[in-house]
Amino acid sequence: MREGTGPRARGGPARGSGPPAGALRALNAAMAAAPAHRELVWGEGLAAPERRAAAPALRLAAELAEAVAELLTDPRVGEVRECEGADCVLLFLPANPRRRWCVASACGNRARVARYYARHGKPGQADAGTGAGV
């Protein structure tokens, strides 16, 4: 799935060129391996949830491939960004053009804390080895 959402795949439709053929084949194969159908059920009312008759791994891959297909066909696909968090691999669609992290309270907070410690040092670092503060 990551190949199907990589920068080349996301940037192609935004620039008017297609994503890599291998990425399209992989996504189409994943969606075809566990096709969805609606099934009418009666509970507290009539509902028609989607069902997939396949192994759990194939169902998950198909769900992810469909989400990627929706992303790639969205007009805002060119705005999708990779999180700037140090070890983060998530993609996000920013609500604000200045947004840099997938989740500000997680990746953004870690980056702010790292910047703070780079400027001011870690707590207790000034006292280390001097005997001060004892």
Foldseek 3Di string as FASTA:
>chain_A
DCLCLDPQQLVQVLVPHHHDPVSVVQLVVLLVQWPWDWDWDDDVHTDTDIDTPDPPVSVVSNVVSVVSVVLSPDNQSVQKDAAPQPPGGDIDRDPDSVDRHPDCVPRVVVVVVVVVCVVVNDPPPVVPPVVPPD
